[in-house]
């Protein structure tokens, strides 16, 4: 369903581009003349307009986008935790581009984000305002940072106060890594939380999508962690993918996938 939703939005973008080409609407002066949302997204398009330089409303340099976003939200985000704003701003841009930004200073100078990438990201979200979305994103980023902390007390505290709604891709990845890197106390706490949260169908679907994507990560440890998380969830939906991992991946990942398969269907397989 997740992949189909993304394909649907890509098709909508192509339709918009074709319509604009036919109408030769190269003189648009605001984002709302080009794109519209299917549900109310207060402040989203007006923020884009504040980032771009007329007459080009279609693209925005990443550095300018980050600077505008920071100037508008830095004070409110940093009230939650000092220095958090930079991570939140970068996180949003990476969500728009669907890839990580280079971390070297000045390395984003040639990077651009398009209006269509921006629209596609927010179109997929439920009705909300930009203000509420950014503050929720800040909580999500802070949770992921706490789960990745080297301080066990910080990790355990985060696990106890972990709202399901704030667990997105980075937080789910952090949980999976704790399953293979944490001590017995942390592993037990993570396992219990994942099993409890997975009783919610919405969370379970989101977690499955995230961990199946993790199986294709370039980092071996991340793929091992994905196997562990799928096993913890007893995700029978992932059996086909785990069998494929057992047949194709490196030995350490294959072994993790075999262990997860046993947890998923209760049988030991010869692959």
Protein backbone atom coordinates (compact mmCIF):
# COMPACT_ATOMS: atom_id res chain seq x y z
CA UNK A 1 0.00 0.00 0.00
CA UNK A 2 2.87 2.33 0.87
CA UNK A 3 4.51 1.83 -2.55
CA UNK A 4 1.19 2.29 -4.35
CA UNK A 5 0.58 5.56 -2.52
CA UNK A 6 3.98 6.85 -3.60
CA UNK A 7 3.37 5.82 -7.21
CA UNK A 8 0.00 7.57 -7.14
CA UNK A 9 1.62 10.83 -5.99
CA UNK A 10 4.32 10.50 -8.66
CA UNK A 11 1.59 10.09 -11.28
CA UNK A 12 -0.14 13.21 -9.96
CA UNK A 13 3.11 15.15 -10.26
CA UNK A 14 3.53 14.03 -13.88
CA UNK A 15 -0.02 15.17 -14.62
CA UNK A 16 0.73 18.59 -13.11
CA UNK A 17 3.93 18.94 -15.12
CA UNK A 18 2.14 17.97 -18.35
CA UNK A 19 -0.67 20.44 -17.61
CA UNK A 20 1.83 23.22 -16.94
CA UNK A 21 3.71 22.43 -20.15
CA UNK A 22 0.49 22.58 -22.17
CA UNK A 23 -0.60 25.83 -20.54
CA UNK A 24 2.92 27.27 -20.62
CA UNK A 25 2.39 28.47 -17.06
CA UNK A 26 5.96 29.57 -16.56
CA UNK A 27 4.85 32.89 -15.06
CA UNK A 28 3.30 31.57 -11.84
CA UNK A 29 3.90 33.95 -8.94
CA UNK A 30 2.81 31.70 -6.07
CA UNK A 31 2.83 27.99 -5.25
CA UNK A 32 -0.97 27.79 -5.05
CA UNK A 33 -1.13 28.65 -8.77
CA UNK A 34 0.76 25.43 -9.48
CA UNK A 35 -0.27 22.88 -6.83
CA UNK A 36 -3.18 22.34 -4.45
CA UNK A 37 -3.62 19.98 -1.53
CA UNK A 38 -6.53 17.57 -1.25
CA UNK A 39 -6.91 18.47 2.45
CA UNK A 40 -6.16 21.62 4.42
CA UNK A 41 -2.46 22.23 5.10
CA UNK A 42 -2.36 25.64 6.75
CA UNK A 43 0.81 27.64 6.15
CA UNK A 44 2.52 25.03 3.96
CA UNK A 45 2.32 26.75 0.59
CA UNK A 46 2.82 30.25 2.03
CA UNK A 47 6.06 29.04 3.63
CA UNK A 48 7.27 27.78 0.25
CA UNK A 49 6.51 31.20 -1.25
CA UNK A 50 8.71 32.78 1.44
CA UNK A 51 11.60 30.54 0.37
CA UNK A 52 11.60 31.06 -3.39
CA UNK A 53 12.69 33.98 -5.55
CA UNK A 54 10.10 35.13 -8.09
CA UNK A 55 9.74 34.42 -10.99
CA UNK A 56 10.99 30.89 -10.19
CA UNK A 57 8.47 29.28 -7.83
CA UNK A 58 9.41 25.76 -8.90
CA UNK A 59 12.78 25.23 -7.19
CA UNK A 60 14.54 26.45 -4.07
CA UNK A 61 18.22 26.05 -3.10
CA UNK A 62 18.49 23.75 -0.09
CA UNK A 63 20.65 26.22 1.81
CA UNK A 64 18.04 28.97 1.39
CA UNK A 65 15.26 26.58 2.42
CA UNK A 66 17.18 25.57 5.55
CA UNK A 67 17.96 29.20 6.43
CA UNK A 68 14.31 30.27 6.05
CA UNK A 69 13.04 27.29 8.02
CA UNK A 70 15.56 27.91 10.81
CA UNK A 71 14.75 31.61 11.05
CA UNK A 72 11.05 30.84 11.45
CA UNK A 73 11.23 27.90 13.87
CA UNK A 74 14.63 27.86 15.60
CA UNK A 75 13.53 29.63 18.79
CA UNK A 76 10.44 27.44 19.32
CA UNK A 77 12.28 24.17 18.59
CA UNK A 78 15.29 25.01 20.75
CA UNK A 79 12.96 25.69 23.68
CA UNK A 80 12.47 21.91 23.68
CA UNK A 81 16.20 21.20 23.64
CA UNK A 82 19.07 23.54 22.82
CA UNK A 83 20.57 22.84 19.39
CA UNK A 84 17.68 20.63 18.25
CA UNK A 85 16.55 23.02 15.50
CA UNK A 86 19.42 22.27 13.12
CA UNK A 87 18.68 18.54 13.21
CA UNK A 88 14.97 19.12 12.66
CA UNK A 89 15.54 21.40 9.66
CA UNK A 90 17.93 18.92 8.05
CA UNK A 91 15.51 16.08 8.77
CA UNK A 92 12.70 17.83 6.90
CA UNK A 93 14.88 18.46 3.84
CA UNK A 94 16.02 14.83 3.84
CA UNK A 95 12.37 13.77 3.96
CA UNK A 96 11.62 15.99 0.97
CA UNK A 97 14.59 14.72 -1.04
CA UNK A 98 14.21 11.12 0.26
CA UNK A 99 17.96 10.83 0.86
CA UNK A 100 20.56 11.97 3.34
CA UNK A 101 22.27 15.31 2.91
CA UNK A 102 26.09 15.48 2.91
CA UNK A 103 27.34 16.58 6.33
CA UNK A 104 30.28 18.73 5.22
CA UNK A 105 29.72 22.47 5.66
CA UNK A 106 28.89 24.19 2.38
CA UNK A 107 28.33 20.89 0.57
CA UNK A 108 24.64 21.67 -0.07
CA UNK A 109 25.31 24.70 -2.27
CA UNK A 110 24.30 22.93 -5.49
CA UNK A 111 21.36 21.08 -3.93
CA UNK A 112 17.81 22.07 -4.90
CA UNK A 113 14.40 21.06 -3.60
CA UNK A 114 11.46 21.29 -5.99
CA UNK A 115 7.93 22.46 -5.39
CA UNK A 116 6.70 19.03 -6.48
CA UNK A 117 8.88 17.23 -3.93
CA UNK A 118 7.57 19.62 -1.29
CA UNK A 119 3.95 19.11 -2.36
CA UNK A 120 4.31 15.30 -2.53
CA UNK A 121 5.64 15.11 1.03
CA UNK A 122 2.87 17.19 2.58
CA UNK A 123 0.10 15.76 0.39
CA UNK A 124 0.74 12.35 1.98
CA UNK A 125 0.20 13.74 5.50
CA UNK A 126 -3.12 14.12 7.32
CA UNK A 127 -4.68 17.60 7.60
CA UNK A 128 -2.54 19.85 9.77
CA UNK A 129 -0.71 23.16 9.88
CA UNK A 130 2.97 23.65 9.12
CA UNK A 131 3.51 24.87 12.70
CA UNK A 132 2.08 21.71 14.26
CA UNK A 133 3.93 19.47 11.79
CA UNK A 134 7.32 21.05 12.54
CA UNK A 135 6.83 20.78 16.30
CA UNK A 136 5.78 17.12 15.95
CA UNK A 137 8.84 16.50 13.78
CA UNK A 138 10.98 18.05 16.51
CA UNK A 139 9.58 15.57 19.05
CA UNK A 140 10.25 12.70 16.62
CA UNK A 141 13.86 13.80 16.08
CA UNK A 142 14.41 14.24 19.82
CA UNK A 143 13.04 10.76 20.52
CA UNK A 144 15.37 9.21 17.94
CA UNK A 145 18.34 11.08 19.44
CA UNK A 146 17.48 9.82 22.93
CA UNK A 147 17.11 6.23 21.70
CA UNK A 148 20.55 6.53 20.09
CA UNK A 149 22.11 7.90 23.28
CA UNK A 150 25.14 6.20 24.84
CA UNK A 151 23.56 6.79 28.26
CA UNK A 152 21.45 3.76 29.20
CA UNK A 153 19.32 5.81 31.58
CA UNK A 154 18.40 8.20 28.76
CA UNK A 155 17.49 5.27 26.52
CA UNK A 156 15.34 3.54 29.15
CA UNK A 157 13.60 6.81 30.01
CA UNK A 158 12.83 7.39 26.33
CA UNK A 159 11.44 3.86 26.02
CA UNK A 160 9.07 4.46 28.93
CA UNK A 161 7.78 7.73 27.46
CA UNK A 162 7.57 6.67 23.83
CA UNK A 163 4.34 7.79 22.11
CA UNK A 164 3.49 5.56 19.15
CA UNK A 165 2.76 8.59 16.98
CA UNK A 166 6.36 9.86 17.25
CA UNK A 167 7.97 6.59 16.20
CA UNK A 168 8.87 7.04 12.56
CA UNK A 169 11.69 5.75 10.41
CA UNK A 170 14.65 7.00 12.47
CA UNK A 171 13.08 5.99 15.78
CA UNK A 172 12.18 2.55 14.47
CA UNK A 173 15.71 2.08 13.18
CA UNK A 174 17.10 3.07 16.58
CA UNK A 175 14.85 0.49 18.27
CA UNK A 176 16.01 -2.25 15.93
CA UNK A 177 19.68 -1.45 16.57
CA UNK A 178 19.05 -1.58 20.32
CA UNK A 179 17.77 -5.14 19.84
CA UNK A 180 21.21 -6.24 18.61
CA UNK A 181 23.50 -3.78 20.40
CA UNK A 182 21.82 -3.18 23.76
CA UNK A 183 22.35 -5.10 26.98
CA UNK A 184 19.75 -7.56 28.26
CA UNK A 185 17.81 -4.88 30.15
CA UNK A 186 17.54 -2.62 27.10
CA UNK A 187 16.73 -5.51 24.74
CA UNK A 188 13.95 -6.66 27.07
CA UNK A 189 12.47 -3.17 27.26
CA UNK A 190 12.60 -2.68 23.47
CA UNK A 191 11.07 -6.08 22.78
CA UNK A 192 8.21 -5.42 25.18
CA UNK A 193 7.52 -2.01 23.69
CA UNK A 194 7.56 -3.25 20.10
CA UNK A 195 5.17 -6.09 20.86
CA UNK A 196 2.79 -3.82 22.74
CA UNK A 197 2.83 -1.11 20.07
CA UNK A 198 2.38 -3.66 17.27
CA UNK A 199 -1.10 -4.40 18.59
CA UNK A 200 -2.03 -1.11 16.90
CA UNK A 201 -2.57 -1.99 13.18
CA UNK A 202 -1.39 1.43 12.02
CA UNK A 203 1.86 1.19 13.93
CA UNK A 204 2.41 -2.40 12.83
CA UNK A 205 2.05 -1.49 9.16
CA UNK A 206 4.41 1.48 9.55
CA UNK A 207 6.98 -0.66 11.37
CA UNK A 208 6.81 -3.44 8.77
CA UNK A 209 7.38 -0.98 5.92
CA UNK A 210 10.34 0.55 7.75
CA UNK A 211 12.00 -2.76 8.64
CA UNK A 212 11.49 -4.26 5.19
CA UNK A 213 13.21 -1.19 3.74
CA UNK A 214 16.01 -1.67 6.29
CA UNK A 215 16.68 -5.13 4.86
CA UNK A 216 18.07 -3.32 1.79
CA UNK A 217 20.28 -0.89 3.72
CA UNK A 218 23.95 -0.80 2.74
CA UNK A 219 25.09 -1.25 6.36
CA UNK A 220 25.31 -4.90 7.46
CA UNK A 221 24.48 -4.08 11.09
CA UNK A 222 21.33 -2.22 10.01
CA UNK A 223 20.17 -5.24 7.99
CA UNK A 224 20.83 -7.53 10.96
CA UNK A 225 18.83 -5.16 13.16
CA UNK A 226 15.92 -5.23 10.70
CA UNK A 227 15.86 -9.02 10.89
CA UNK A 228 15.80 -8.85 14.68
CA UNK A 229 12.94 -6.37 14.69
CA UNK A 230 10.85 -8.43 12.23
CA UNK A 231 11.41 -11.48 14.41
CA UNK A 232 10.39 -9.54 17.50
CA UNK A 233 7.16 -8.54 15.75
CA UNK A 234 6.62 -12.15 14.61
CA UNK A 235 6.01 -10.63 11.20
CA UNK A 236 4.70 -13.48 9.06
CA UNK A 237 4.18 -10.87 6.34
CA UNK A 238 7.97 -10.66 5.98
CA UNK A 239 8.70 -14.39 5.53
CA UNK A 240 9.23 -14.14 1.77
CA UNK A 241 11.72 -11.28 2.15
CA UNK A 242 13.56 -13.01 4.99
CA UNK A 243 13.89 -16.19 2.92
CA UNK A 244 15.41 -14.11 0.13
CA UNK A 245 17.89 -12.59 2.61
CA UNK A 246 18.83 -16.10 3.75
CA UNK A 247 19.65 -17.00 0.15
CA UNK A 248 21.55 -13.88 -0.92
CA UNK A 249 23.07 -11.82 1.92
CA UNK A 250 26.28 -12.10 3.92
CA UNK A 251 26.59 -14.89 6.45
CA UNK A 252 25.93 -12.77 9.55
CA UNK A 253 22.77 -11.31 8.00
CA UNK A 254 21.65 -14.74 6.78
CA UNK A 255 21.97 -16.11 10.30
CA UNK A 256 19.93 -13.23 11.72
CA UNK A 257 17.26 -13.81 9.07
CA UNK A 258 17.09 -17.53 9.92
CA UNK A 259 16.56 -16.70 13.59
CA UNK A 260 13.79 -14.29 12.67
CA UNK A 261 12.09 -16.84 10.44
CA UNK A 262 11.94 -19.24 13.37
CA UNK A 263 10.23 -16.55 15.44
CA UNK A 264 7.86 -15.63 12.61
CA UNK A 265 6.50 -19.10 11.83
CA UNK A 266 7.78 -21.25 14.68
CA UNK A 267 9.69 -23.69 12.47
CA UNK A 268 13.34 -24.20 11.65
CA UNK A 269 14.03 -23.95 7.95
CA UNK A 270 16.72 -25.47 5.78
CA UNK A 271 17.58 -22.86 3.16
